[in-house]
């Protein structure tokens, strides 16, 4: 094995672990923001438009 190869391997593994943690954190943060956005109350205009659309379908 060339000198210093073991250290490079560990450094590469640590780098990939950090990249994976950042990716998981980004995805989790996005899902939390999406959940908060979906929990927002809907305006009455949107509800009325949906009811009118349902009435037209029947």
PDB file of N, CA and C in Angstrom:
ATOM      1  N   UNK A   1       0.841  -1.186   0.000  1.00  0.00           N
ATOM      2  CA  UNK A   1       0.000   0.000   0.000  1.00  0.00           C
ATOM      3  C   UNK A   1       0.887   1.251   0.000  1.00  0.00           C
ATOM      4  N   UNK A   2       0.559   2.262  -0.783  1.00  0.00           N
ATOM      5  CA  UNK A   2       1.383   3.474  -0.788  1.00  0.00           C
ATOM      6  C   UNK A   2       1.285   4.192   0.550  1.00  0.00           C
ATOM      7  N   UNK A   3       2.325   4.925   0.904  1.00  0.00           N
ATOM      8  CA  UNK A   3       2.285   5.651   2.182  1.00  0.00           C
ATOM      9  C   UNK A   3       1.167   6.702   2.186  1.00  0.00           C
ATOM     10  N   UNK A   4       0.498   6.793   3.309  1.00  0.00           N
ATOM     11  CA  UNK A   4      -0.569   7.779   3.466  1.00  0.00           C
ATOM     12  C   UNK A   4      -1.897   7.355   2.877  1.00  0.00           C
ATOM     13  N   UNK A   5      -1.970   6.155   2.315  1.00  0.00           N
ATOM     14  CA  UNK A   5      -3.214   5.698   1.686  1.00  0.00           C
ATOM     15  C   UNK A   5      -4.309   5.492   2.731  1.00  0.00           C
ATOM     16  N   UNK A   6      -3.950   4.979   3.899  1.00  0.00           N
ATOM     17  CA  UNK A   6      -4.930   4.747   4.964  1.00  0.00           C
ATOM     18  C   UNK A   6      -5.571   6.029   5.451  1.00  0.00           C
ATOM     19  N   UNK A   7      -4.774   7.079   5.586  1.00  0.00           N
ATOM     20  CA  UNK A   7      -5.312   8.362   6.044  1.00  0.00           C
ATOM     21  C   UNK A   7      -6.272   8.941   5.006  1.00  0.00           C
ATOM     22  N   UNK A   8      -5.931   8.812   3.751  1.00  0.00           N
ATOM     23  CA  UNK A   8      -6.784   9.333   2.683  1.00  0.00           C
ATOM     24  C   UNK A   8      -8.125   8.609   2.673  1.00  0.00           C
ATOM     25  N   UNK A   9      -8.091   7.316   2.933  1.00  0.00           N
ATOM     26  CA  UNK A   9      -9.322   6.530   2.960  1.00  0.00           C
ATOM     27  C   UNK A   9     -10.233   7.015   4.085  1.00  0.00           C
ATOM     28  N   UNK A  10      -9.671   7.235   5.255  1.00  0.00           N
ATOM     29  CA  UNK A  10     -10.482   7.695   6.391  1.00  0.00           C
ATOM     30  C   UNK A  10     -11.023   9.096   6.145  1.00  0.00           C
ATOM     31  N   UNK A  11     -10.198   9.945   5.538  1.00  0.00           N
ATOM     32  CA  UNK A  11     -10.636  11.302   5.246  1.00  0.00           C
ATOM     33  C   UNK A  11     -11.778  11.274   4.228  1.00  0.00           C
ATOM     34  N   UNK A  12     -11.671  10.405   3.232  1.00  0.00           N
ATOM     35  CA  UNK A  12     -12.721  10.288   2.228  1.00  0.00           C
ATOM     36  C   UNK A  12     -14.015   9.786   2.864  1.00  0.00           C
ATOM     37  N   UNK A  13     -13.905   8.812   3.765  1.00  0.00           N
ATOM     38  CA  UNK A  13     -15.090   8.292   4.453  1.00  0.00           C
ATOM     39  C   UNK A  13     -15.736   9.382   5.301  1.00  0.00           C
ATOM     40  N   UNK A  14     -14.922  10.141   6.027  1.00  0.00           N
ATOM     41  CA  UNK A  14     -15.459  11.223   6.855  1.00  0.00           C
ATOM     42  C   UNK A  14     -16.148  12.269   5.985  1.00  0.00           C
ATOM     43  N   UNK A  15     -15.554  12.560   4.831  1.00  0.00           N
ATOM     44  CA  UNK A  15     -16.162  13.535   3.926  1.00  0.00           C
ATOM     45  C   UNK A  15     -17.522  13.051   3.436  1.00  0.00           C
ATOM     46  N   UNK A  16     -17.627  11.773   3.077  1.00  0.00           N
ATOM     47  CA  UNK A  16     -18.900  11.232   2.604  1.00  0.00           C
ATOM     48  C   UNK A  16     -19.939  11.204   3.722  1.00  0.00           C
ATOM     49  N   UNK A  17     -19.507  10.957   4.952  1.00  0.00           N
ATOM     50  CA  UNK A  17     -20.448  10.990   6.083  1.00  0.00           C
ATOM     51  C   UNK A  17     -20.994  12.403   6.261  1.00  0.00           C
ATOM     52  N   UNK A  18     -20.123  13.402   6.152  1.00  0.00           N
ATOM     53  CA  UNK A  18     -20.567  14.795   6.288  1.00  0.00           C
ATOM     54  C   UNK A  18     -21.528  15.158   5.154  1.00  0.00           C
ATOM     55  N   UNK A  19     -21.203  14.739   3.932  1.00  0.00           N
ATOM     56  CA  UNK A  19     -22.083  15.018   2.790  1.00  0.00           C
ATOM     57  C   UNK A  19     -23.446  14.365   2.999  1.00  0.00           C
ATOM     58  N   UNK A  20     -23.451  13.115   3.480  1.00  0.00           N
ATOM     59  CA  UNK A  20     -24.715  12.413   3.718  1.00  0.00           C
ATOM     60  C   UNK A  20     -25.527  13.108   4.808  1.00  0.00           C
ATOM     61  N   UNK A  21     -24.860  13.564   5.866  1.00  0.00           N
ATOM     62  CA  UNK A  21     -25.578  14.255   6.944  1.00  0.00           C
ATOM     63  C   UNK A  21     -26.180  15.564   6.437  1.00  0.00           C
ATOM     64  N   UNK A  22     -25.436  16.296   5.611  1.00  0.00           N
ATOM     65  CA  UNK A  22     -25.976  17.536   5.049  1.00  0.00           C
ATOM     66  C   UNK A  22     -27.179  17.253   4.151  1.00  0.00           C
ATOM     67  N   UNK A  23     -27.098  16.189   3.369  1.00  0.00           N
ATOM     68  CA  UNK A  23     -28.217  15.844   2.487  1.00  0.00           C
ATOM     69  C   UNK A  23     -29.452  15.475   3.295  1.00  0.00           C
ATOM     70  N   UNK A  24     -29.280  14.661   4.324  1.00  0.00           N
ATOM     71  CA  UNK A  24     -30.416  14.267   5.164  1.00  0.00           C
ATOM     72  C   UNK A  24     -31.003  15.491   5.859  1.00  0.00           C
ATOM     73  N   UNK A  25     -30.145  16.374   6.357  1.00  0.00           N
ATOM     74  CA  UNK A  25     -30.629  17.593   7.008  1.00  0.00           C
ATOM     75  C   UNK A  25     -31.397  18.491   6.058  1.00  0.00           C
ATOM     76  N   UNK A  26     -30.908  18.604   4.826  1.00  0.00           N
ATOM     77  CA  UNK A  26     -31.593  19.431   3.829  1.00  0.00           C
ATOM     78  C   UNK A  26     -32.962  18.857   3.492  1.00  0.00           C
ATOM     79  N   UNK A  27     -33.023  17.551   3.296  1.00  0.00           N
ATOM     80  CA  UNK A  27     -34.303  16.910   2.974  1.00  0.00           C
ATOM     81  C   UNK A  27     -35.270  17.032   4.145  1.00  0.00           C
ATOM     82  N   UNK A  28     -34.787  16.783   5.363  1.00  0.00           N
ATOM     83  CA  UNK A  28     -35.657  16.885   6.538  1.00  0.00           C
ATOM     84  C   UNK A  28     -36.165  18.317   6.712  1.00  0.00           C
ATOM     85  N   UNK A  29     -35.293  19.290   6.518  1.00  0.00           N
ATOM     86  CA  UNK A  29     -35.712  20.686   6.626  1.00  0.00           C
ATOM     87  C   UNK A  29     -36.760  21.047   5.589  1.00  0.00           C
ATOM     88  N   UNK A  30     -36.576  20.562   4.373  1.00  0.00           N
ATOM     89  CA  UNK A  30     -37.560  20.818   3.324  1.00  0.00           C
ATOM     90  C   UNK A  30     -38.902  20.192   3.635  1.00  0.00           C
ATOM     91  N   UNK A  31     -38.878  18.972   4.177  1.00  0.00           N
ATOM     92  CA  UNK A  31     -40.140  18.313   4.536  1.00  0.00           C
ATOM     93  C   UNK A  31     -40.841  19.044   5.672  1.00  0.00           C
ATOM     94  N   UNK A  32     -40.074  19.561   6.625  1.00  0.00           N
ATOM     95  CA  UNK A  32     -40.689  20.313   7.728  1.00  0.00           C
ATOM     96  C   UNK A  32     -41.328  21.603   7.205  1.00  0.00           C
ATOM     97  N   UNK A  33     -40.642  22.292   6.280  1.00  0.00           N
ATOM     98  CA  UNK A  33     -41.221  23.510   5.701  1.00  0.00           C
ATOM     99  C   UNK A  33     -42.459  23.197   4.891  1.00  0.00           C
ATOM    100  N   UNK A  34     -42.444  22.090   4.157  1.00  0.00           N
ATOM    101  CA  UNK A  34     -43.614  21.683   3.377  1.00  0.00           C
ATOM    102  C   UNK A  34     -44.787  21.376   4.296  1.00  0.00           C
ATOM    103  N   UNK A  35     -44.512  20.695   5.414  1.00  0.00           N
ATOM    104  CA  UNK A  35     -45.569  20.367   6.366  1.00  0.00           C
ATOM    105  C   UNK A  35     -46.165  21.649   6.952  1.00  0.00           C
ATOM    106  N   UNK A  36     -45.314  22.607   7.301  1.00  0.00           N
ATOM    107  CA  UNK A  36     -45.810  23.873   7.846  1.00  0.00           C
ATOM    108  C   UNK A  36     -46.641  24.618   6.800  1.00  0.00           C
ATOM    109  N   UNK A  37     -46.216  24.559   5.530  1.00  0.00           N
ATOM    110  CA  UNK A  37     -46.962  25.225   4.464  1.00  0.00           C
ATOM    111  C   UNK A  37     -48.328  24.574   4.263  1.00  0.00           C
ATOM    112  N   UNK A  38     -48.382  23.248   4.372  1.00  0.00           N
ATOM    113  CA  UNK A  38     -49.655  22.549   4.183  1.00  0.00           C
ATOM    114  C   UNK A  38     -50.615  22.768   5.351  1.00  0.00           C
ATOM    115  N   UNK A  39     -50.098  23.084   6.522  1.00  0.00           N
ATOM    116  CA  UNK A  39     -50.959  23.308   7.689  1.00  0.00           C
ATOM    117  C   UNK A  39     -51.555  24.711   7.717  1.00  0.00           C
ATOM    118  N   UNK A  40     -51.098  25.597   6.835  1.00  0.00           N
ATOM    119  CA  UNK A  40     -51.640  26.954   6.812  1.00  0.00           C
ATOM    120  C   UNK A  40     -53.126  26.929   6.512  1.00  0.00           C
ATOM    121  N   UNK A  41     -53.888  27.838   7.104  1.00  0.00           N
ATOM    122  CA  UNK A  41     -55.317  27.885   6.780  1.00  0.00           C
ATOM    123  C   UNK A  41     -55.532  28.338   5.337  1.00  0.00           C
ATOM    124  N   UNK A  42     -56.575  27.798   4.743  1.00  0.00           N
ATOM    125  CA  UNK A  42     -56.900  28.126   3.354  1.00  0.00           C
ATOM    126  C   UNK A  42     -57.852  29.316   3.351  1.00  0.00           C
ATOM    127  N   UNK A  43     -57.657  30.219   2.408  1.00  0.00           N
ATOM    128  CA  UNK A  43     -58.510  31.404   2.347  1.00  0.00           C
ATOM    129  C   UNK A  43     -59.928  31.018   1.921  1.00  0.00           C
ATOM    130  N   UNK A  44     -60.922  31.770   2.351  1.00  0.00           N
ATOM    131  CA  UNK A  44     -62.316  31.465   1.997  1.00  0.00           C
ATOM    132  C   UNK A  44     -62.558  31.469   0.487  1.00  0.00           C
ATOM    133  N   UNK A  45     -61.814  32.293  -0.256  1.00  0.00           N
ATOM    134  CA  UNK A  45     -61.993  32.328  -1.710  1.00  0.00           C
ATOM    135  C   UNK A  45     -61.655  30.979  -2.332  1.00  0.00           C
ATOM    136  N   UNK A  46     -60.613  30.337  -1.822  1.00  0.00           N
ATOM    137  CA  UNK A  46     -60.208  29.033  -2.358  1.00  0.00           C
ATOM    138  C   UNK A  46     -61.269  27.987  -2.035  1.00  0.00           C
ATOM    139  N   UNK A  47     -61.827  28.043  -0.832  1.00  0.00           N
ATOM    140  CA  UNK A  47     -62.865  27.086  -0.436  1.00  0.00           C
ATOM    141  C   UNK A  47     -64.105  27.268  -1.309  1.00  0.00           C
ATOM    142  N   UNK A  48     -64.512  28.527  -1.540  1.00  0.00           N
ATOM    143  CA  UNK A  48     -65.677  28.786  -2.395  1.00  0.00           C
ATOM    144  C   UNK A  48     -65.441  28.289  -3.817  1.00  0.00           C
ATOM    145  N   UNK A  49     -64.246  28.517  -4.337  1.00  0.00           N
ATOM    146  CA  UNK A  49     -63.936  28.066  -5.697  1.00  0.00           C
ATOM    147  C   UNK A  49     -63.971  26.545  -5.779  1.00  0.00           C
ATOM    148  N   UNK A  50     -63.491  25.866  -4.756  1.00  0.00           N
ATOM    149  CA  UNK A  50     -63.515  24.400  -4.756  1.00  0.00           C
ATOM    150  C   UNK A  50     -64.948  23.887  -4.690  1.00  0.00           C
ATOM    151  N   UNK A  51     -65.794  24.549  -3.903  1.00  0.00           N
ATOM    152  CA  UNK A  51     -67.199  24.129  -3.820  1.00  0.00           C
ATOM    153  C   UNK A  51     -67.904  24.337  -5.158  1.00  0.00           C
ATOM    154  N   UNK A  52     -67.615  25.454  -5.818  1.00  0.00           N
ATOM    155  CA  UNK A  52     -68.224  25.706  -7.127  1.00  0.00           C
ATOM    156  C   UNK A  52     -67.765  24.666  -8.139  1.00  0.00           C
ATOM    157  N   UNK A  53     -66.498  24.304  -8.083  1.00  0.00           N
ATOM    158  CA  UNK A  53     -65.962  23.298  -9.001  1.00  0.00           C
ATOM    159  C   UNK A  53     -66.621  21.946  -8.751  1.00  0.00           C
ATOM    160  N   UNK A  54     -66.828  21.590  -7.471  1.00  0.00           N
ATOM    161  CA  UNK A  54     -67.500  20.328  -7.144  1.00  0.00           C
ATOM    162  C   UNK A  54     -68.950  20.347  -7.626  1.00  0.00           C
ATOM    163  N   UNK A  55     -69.619  21.488  -7.487  1.00  0.00           N
ATOM    164  CA  UNK A  55     -71.013  21.591  -7.924  1.00  0.00           C
ATOM    165  C   UNK A  55     -71.115  21.446  -9.445  1.00  0.00           C
ATOM    166  N   UNK A  56     -70.135  21.948 -10.175  1.00  0.00           N
ATOM    167  CA  UNK A  56     -70.147  21.817 -11.634  1.00  0.00           C
ATOM    168  C   UNK A  56     -69.925  20.374 -12.061  1.00  0.00           C
ATOM    169  N   UNK A  57     -69.153  19.618 -11.292  1.00  0.00           N
ATOM    170  CA  UNK A  57     -68.873  18.219 -11.636  1.00  0.00           C
ATOM    171  C   UNK A  57     -70.103  17.335 -11.466  1.00  0.00           C
ATOM    172  N   UNK A  58     -71.010  17.713 -10.575  1.00  0.00           N
ATOM    173  CA  UNK A  58     -72.180  16.859 -10.295  1.00  0.00           C
ATOM    174  C   UNK A  58     -73.285  17.027 -11.291  1.00  0.00           C
TER     175      UNK A  58
END
